[in-house]
Amino acid sequence: MPLFVAPDGCRIHYDQFGDRGPHIMLIPGLGGDGRFWNGVVEELRNDFRLTVVDHRGAGRSDRPEGSYSIGQISADFAAIAAMQGEPLHIVGHSTGGAIAQTLALDHPGTGLSFTISSSWARADERFRSLFIARAEMLEGGLAETYQRLTHIFGHEAAYLDEHRERFEAAVKAAPTALAPLEVTAGRVRMLLDHDRLDDLPRIDRPVHVIAADEDILTPPDLSRVVADAIPGAILSSLTGAHFHPKDRPAQFSASIRRFIETVPT
């Protein structure tokens, strides 16, 4: 089990797959667990080398108490990218897309290209209200409610019907899976501070922005704002809800393949 130990002692878990082709770093969203990408990994591992990282405070990484920020987590990813000895194609979804923006701006040498999927660059009032409410659920001990609403926000109705038993099991496991709840709440609140919209025009690497047509958590308009702010960015519209890379991995992987083929080596 590969581990990166950050300067503050936090142990960060990552996995690597594939032994040929371009190298991609996959950055998960707010849940922070690299296993979010399992379906995409299976689609890409025969033709790409993949590095998949769990965020600090989530997944199989340590969950230290204290404040969390997109900048801090981005520094963790930049350090792991540097260990690979070559620039990578950075692919981040949702919160991972905010991390990808930060890497492109503050650690540009990490990436040959940057894919920003279903993300945002500045929180509008709807986004702020939604994520404050989600943090308040965790701070109030309502882990099961938080998890149930995450499923509603993240998946299409048909997918929820098809996987009902699995989702109910996840709801029951939420108090343990999301513990310590104050850490998870802190990770939710850090999203409110992410504001790089005015900086995005400085990005000078190839950028691919992805929006999903049924995304109610980070609606397509937020992705369009990101794409419009970055010179030369390509915007792709895919089918699905917020968790479309998990629910429709073949579609997402095909979009990644097409974009990477356009990036000069």
Protein backbone atom coordinates (compact mmCIF):
# COMPACT_ATOMS: atom_id res chain seq x y z
CA MET A 1 0.00 0.00 0.00
CA PRO A 2 1.88 3.13 -1.19
CA LEU A 3 1.88 6.01 1.28
CA PHE A 4 3.07 9.58 1.04
CA VAL A 5 3.91 11.24 4.35
CA ALA A 6 3.26 14.97 4.20
CA PRO A 7 5.51 17.46 6.04
CA ASP A 8 3.00 17.61 8.91
CA GLY A 9 3.09 13.82 9.29
CA CYS A 10 -0.24 13.07 7.61
CA ARG A 11 -0.07 9.73 5.80
CA ILE A 12 -1.76 9.86 2.41
CA HIS A 13 -2.76 6.69 0.58
CA TYR A 14 -2.43 6.27 -3.16
CA ASP A 15 -2.69 3.44 -5.68
CA GLN A 16 -1.07 2.97 -9.07
CA PHE A 17 -2.33 0.97 -12.04
CA GLY A 18 -1.11 0.19 -15.55
CA ASP A 19 2.39 -0.07 -16.95
CA ARG A 20 2.24 1.70 -20.32
CA GLY A 21 1.00 4.84 -21.99
CA PRO A 22 0.50 8.41 -20.79
CA HIS A 23 0.42 8.98 -17.03
CA ILE A 24 -2.82 10.28 -15.48
CA MET A 25 -3.47 11.40 -11.89
CA LEU A 26 -7.13 10.92 -10.90
CA ILE A 27 -8.35 13.21 -8.11
CA PRO A 28 -11.69 12.32 -6.46
CA GLY A 29 -14.30 14.75 -5.22
CA LEU A 30 -15.43 15.71 -1.73
CA GLY A 31 -15.74 12.09 -0.57
CA GLY A 32 -12.01 11.98 -1.10
CA ASP A 33 -11.74 8.22 -1.64
CA GLY A 34 -9.82 7.16 -4.75
CA ARG A 35 -12.03 4.10 -5.12
CA PHE A 36 -14.60 6.49 -6.61
CA TRP A 37 -12.58 6.00 -9.79
CA ASN A 38 -12.69 2.17 -9.87
CA GLY A 39 -14.83 2.00 -13.01
CA VAL A 40 -12.69 4.57 -14.84
CA VAL A 41 -9.54 2.72 -13.76
CA GLU A 42 -10.84 -0.47 -15.34
CA GLU A 43 -11.59 1.41 -18.56
CA LEU A 44 -8.15 3.06 -18.79
CA ARG A 45 -5.59 0.84 -17.09
CA ASN A 46 -4.60 -1.13 -20.21
CA ASP A 47 -3.59 1.99 -22.12
CA PHE A 48 -2.55 4.46 -19.41
CA ARG A 49 -0.55 4.60 -16.22
CA LEU A 50 -2.79 5.82 -13.40
CA THR A 51 -2.05 7.35 -10.00
CA VAL A 52 -5.15 7.53 -7.77
CA VAL A 53 -4.90 9.38 -4.44
CA ASP A 54 -7.14 9.54 -1.36
CA HIS A 55 -7.40 13.05 0.09
CA ARG A 56 -6.08 13.78 3.55
CA GLY A 57 -9.07 13.55 5.89
CA ALA A 58 -10.84 10.90 3.81
CA GLY A 59 -10.66 7.41 2.34
CA ARG A 60 -7.71 5.39 3.58
CA SER A 61 -5.59 8.43 4.40
CA ASP A 62 -5.13 9.90 7.88
CA ARG A 63 -7.83 12.21 9.21
CA PRO A 64 -6.03 14.78 11.34
CA GLU A 65 -8.00 17.30 13.35
CA GLY A 66 -7.72 20.97 12.52
CA SER A 67 -8.44 23.13 9.52
CA TYR A 68 -8.60 21.90 5.93
CA SER A 69 -8.17 23.81 2.69
CA ILE A 70 -8.07 23.19 -1.04
CA GLY A 71 -4.58 24.69 -1.07
CA GLN A 72 -3.28 22.26 1.54
CA ILE A 73 -4.74 19.22 -0.23
CA SER A 74 -3.41 20.49 -3.57
CA ALA A 75 0.08 20.67 -2.07
CA ASP A 76 -0.25 17.00 -1.09
CA PHE A 77 -1.16 16.08 -4.66
CA ALA A 78 1.64 18.22 -6.08
CA ALA A 79 4.16 16.42 -3.88
CA ILE A 80 2.90 12.98 -4.96
CA ALA A 81 2.96 14.11 -8.60
CA ALA A 82 6.57 15.26 -8.18
CA MET A 83 7.50 11.81 -6.89
CA GLN A 84 6.47 10.34 -10.26
CA GLY A 85 9.37 12.10 -11.96
CA GLU A 86 7.37 13.40 -14.92
CA PRO A 87 4.46 15.75 -15.62
CA LEU A 88 1.07 14.04 -15.54
CA HIS A 89 -2.33 14.57 -17.08
CA ILE A 90 -4.36 15.83 -14.10
CA VAL A 91 -8.03 14.77 -13.96
CA GLY A 92 -10.11 16.10 -11.07
CA HIS A 93 -13.83 15.71 -10.41
CA SER A 94 -15.91 18.18 -8.37
CA THR A 95 -13.72 19.09 -5.37
CA GLY A 96 -11.00 17.31 -7.35
CA GLY A 97 -11.68 19.85 -10.09
CA ALA A 98 -11.06 22.67 -7.62
CA ILE A 99 -7.79 20.92 -6.72
CA ALA A 100 -6.94 20.64 -10.44
CA GLN A 101 -7.49 24.39 -10.83
CA THR A 102 -5.18 25.05 -7.88
CA LEU A 103 -2.52 22.72 -9.24
CA ALA A 104 -2.68 24.43 -12.64
CA LEU A 105 -2.26 27.85 -11.00
CA ASP A 106 0.06 27.19 -8.07
CA HIS A 107 1.94 24.06 -9.21
CA PRO A 108 1.77 24.27 -13.02
CA GLY A 109 4.74 21.97 -13.56
CA THR A 110 2.71 19.00 -12.29
CA GLY A 111 0.48 18.86 -15.35
CA LEU A 112 0.79 18.29 -19.07
CA SER A 113 -2.95 18.99 -19.11
CA PHE A 114 -5.77 19.56 -16.66
CA THR A 115 -9.30 18.15 -16.78
CA ILE A 116 -11.82 19.93 -14.52
CA SER A 117 -14.99 17.86 -14.22
CA SER A 118 -18.28 19.11 -12.73
CA SER A 119 -16.59 21.75 -10.62
CA TRP A 120 -16.77 25.46 -9.78
CA ALA A 121 -14.38 28.39 -9.49
CA ARG A 122 -16.42 30.69 -7.23
CA ALA A 123 -19.30 29.73 -4.96
CA ASP A 124 -22.58 31.43 -5.79
CA GLU A 125 -25.31 31.84 -3.16
CA ARG A 126 -27.03 28.57 -4.07
CA PHE A 127 -23.75 26.67 -3.75
CA ARG A 128 -22.94 28.36 -0.42
CA SER A 129 -26.37 27.63 1.07
CA LEU A 130 -26.28 24.01 -0.05
CA PHE A 131 -22.84 23.25 1.35
CA ILE A 132 -23.40 25.16 4.59
CA ALA A 133 -26.50 23.02 5.10
CA ARG A 134 -24.50 19.85 4.40
CA ALA A 135 -21.84 20.89 6.93
CA GLU A 136 -24.53 21.68 9.51
CA MET A 137 -25.95 18.16 9.12
CA LEU A 138 -22.58 16.67 9.99
CA GLU A 139 -22.03 19.09 12.85
CA GLY A 140 -25.45 18.11 14.18
CA GLY A 141 -24.59 14.39 14.05
CA LEU A 142 -26.91 13.66 11.12
CA ALA A 143 -24.48 11.46 9.21
CA GLU A 144 -27.19 9.18 7.82
CA THR A 145 -29.19 12.14 6.49
CA TYR A 146 -26.06 13.64 4.99
CA GLN A 147 -25.27 10.37 3.20
CA ARG A 148 -28.83 9.89 1.97
CA LEU A 149 -28.90 13.38 0.47
CA THR A 150 -25.47 12.83 -1.08
CA HIS A 151 -26.96 9.90 -2.99
CA ILE A 152 -29.92 12.02 -4.12
CA PHE A 153 -27.67 14.87 -5.23
CA GLY A 154 -25.16 12.58 -6.91
CA HIS A 155 -27.00 9.91 -8.88
CA GLU A 156 -29.70 9.61 -11.49
CA ALA A 157 -33.04 8.21 -10.31
CA ALA A 158 -32.69 5.00 -12.32
CA TYR A 159 -29.24 4.36 -10.84
CA LEU A 160 -30.62 4.83 -7.32
CA ASP A 161 -33.40 2.34 -8.03
CA GLU A 162 -30.96 -0.19 -9.44
CA HIS A 163 -28.59 0.02 -6.46
CA ARG A 164 -31.11 0.59 -3.65
CA GLU A 165 -29.76 -2.04 -1.26
CA ARG A 166 -26.17 -0.85 -1.62
CA PHE A 167 -27.16 2.73 -0.94
CA GLU A 168 -29.17 1.77 2.15
CA ALA A 169 -26.12 -0.08 3.47
CA ALA A 170 -24.00 3.04 2.88
CA VAL A 171 -26.51 5.15 4.82
CA LYS A 172 -26.34 2.79 7.80
CA ALA A 173 -22.53 2.80 7.67
CA ALA A 174 -22.26 6.59 7.41
CA PRO A 175 -21.63 7.39 11.12
CA THR A 176 -18.51 5.22 10.98
CA ALA A 177 -17.44 5.90 7.39
CA LEU A 178 -17.63 9.68 7.82
CA ALA A 179 -16.02 9.80 11.27
CA PRO A 180 -14.74 11.98 12.77
CA LEU A 181 -17.74 14.06 11.70
CA GLU A 182 -16.04 17.32 12.63
CA VAL A 183 -13.26 16.51 10.14
CA THR A 184 -15.74 15.73 7.38
CA ALA A 185 -17.68 18.91 8.18
CA GLY A 186 -14.45 20.90 8.00
CA ARG A 187 -13.75 19.44 4.58
CA VAL A 188 -17.22 20.52 3.43
CA ARG A 189 -16.72 24.06 4.73
CA MET A 190 -13.36 24.41 2.96
CA LEU A 191 -15.23 24.42 -0.34
CA LEU A 192 -16.78 27.78 0.50
CA ASP A 193 -13.34 29.41 0.47
CA HIS A 194 -12.38 28.20 -3.01
CA ASP A 195 -12.38 31.27 -5.27
CA ARG A 196 -9.91 31.18 -8.16
CA LEU A 197 -12.16 32.61 -10.87
CA ASP A 198 -10.13 35.77 -11.37
CA ASP A 199 -6.92 33.70 -11.56
CA LEU A 200 -8.09 31.19 -14.17
CA PRO A 201 -7.04 33.26 -17.22
CA ARG A 202 -3.42 32.72 -16.12
CA ILE A 203 -3.58 28.97 -16.84
CA ASP A 204 -1.42 28.25 -19.87
CA ARG A 205 -1.74 24.48 -20.16
CA PRO A 206 -4.36 22.57 -22.19
CA VAL A 207 -7.59 22.42 -20.19
CA HIS A 208 -10.63 20.21 -20.60
CA VAL A 209 -13.79 21.18 -18.70
CA ILE A 210 -16.57 18.61 -18.33
CA ALA A 211 -20.20 19.28 -17.37
CA ALA A 212 -23.01 16.75 -16.85
CA ASP A 213 -26.46 17.61 -18.12
CA GLU A 214 -28.38 16.35 -15.04
CA ASP A 215 -25.94 17.59 -12.39
CA ILE A 216 -27.90 19.37 -9.62
CA LEU A 217 -24.96 19.58 -7.19
CA THR A 218 -22.60 21.58 -9.43
CA PRO A 219 -24.88 22.54 -12.32
CA PRO A 220 -23.48 22.89 -15.84
CA ASP A 221 -23.50 26.70 -15.64
CA LEU A 222 -20.71 26.56 -13.03
CA SER A 223 -18.57 24.51 -15.41
CA ARG A 224 -19.28 26.89 -18.28
CA VAL A 225 -18.02 29.78 -16.16
CA VAL A 226 -14.77 27.87 -15.61
CA ALA A 227 -14.38 27.07 -19.30
CA ASP A 228 -15.11 30.66 -20.36
CA ALA A 229 -12.43 31.99 -18.00
CA ILE A 230 -9.56 29.79 -19.27
CA PRO A 231 -8.07 30.69 -22.66
CA GLY A 232 -8.45 27.83 -25.13
CA ALA A 233 -10.33 25.54 -22.74
CA ILE A 234 -12.41 22.77 -24.31
CA LEU A 235 -15.89 22.21 -22.84
CA SER A 236 -17.54 18.78 -23.07
CA SER A 237 -21.13 18.04 -22.06
CA LEU A 238 -21.82 14.49 -20.89
CA THR A 239 -24.96 12.65 -19.87
CA GLY A 240 -25.61 12.02 -16.20
CA ALA A 241 -25.83 13.37 -12.68
CA HIS A 242 -23.02 14.65 -10.49
CA PHE A 243 -21.37 11.26 -9.97
CA HIS A 244 -21.30 10.53 -13.71
CA PRO A 245 -17.67 9.26 -13.70
CA LYS A 246 -18.72 6.55 -11.24
CA ASP A 247 -22.11 5.79 -12.81
CA ARG A 248 -21.03 6.05 -16.48
CA PRO A 249 -17.29 5.24 -16.47
CA ALA A 250 -17.10 4.25 -20.15
CA GLN A 251 -18.54 7.61 -21.24
CA PHE A 252 -16.19 9.56 -18.96
CA SER A 253 -13.14 7.53 -19.97
CA ALA A 254 -13.86 8.01 -23.66
CA SER A 255 -13.98 11.77 -23.14
CA ILE A 256 -10.63 11.68 -21.31
CA ARG A 257 -9.06 9.60 -24.10
CA ARG A 258 -10.24 12.00 -26.78
CA PHE A 259 -8.85 15.01 -24.96
CA ILE A 260 -5.46 13.51 -24.10
CA GLU A 261 -4.99 12.55 -27.76
CA THR A 262 -5.08 16.29 -28.58
CA VAL A 263 -2.41 17.28 -26.04
CA PRO A 264 1.09 17.73 -27.52
CA THR A 265 3.66 15.37 -26.01
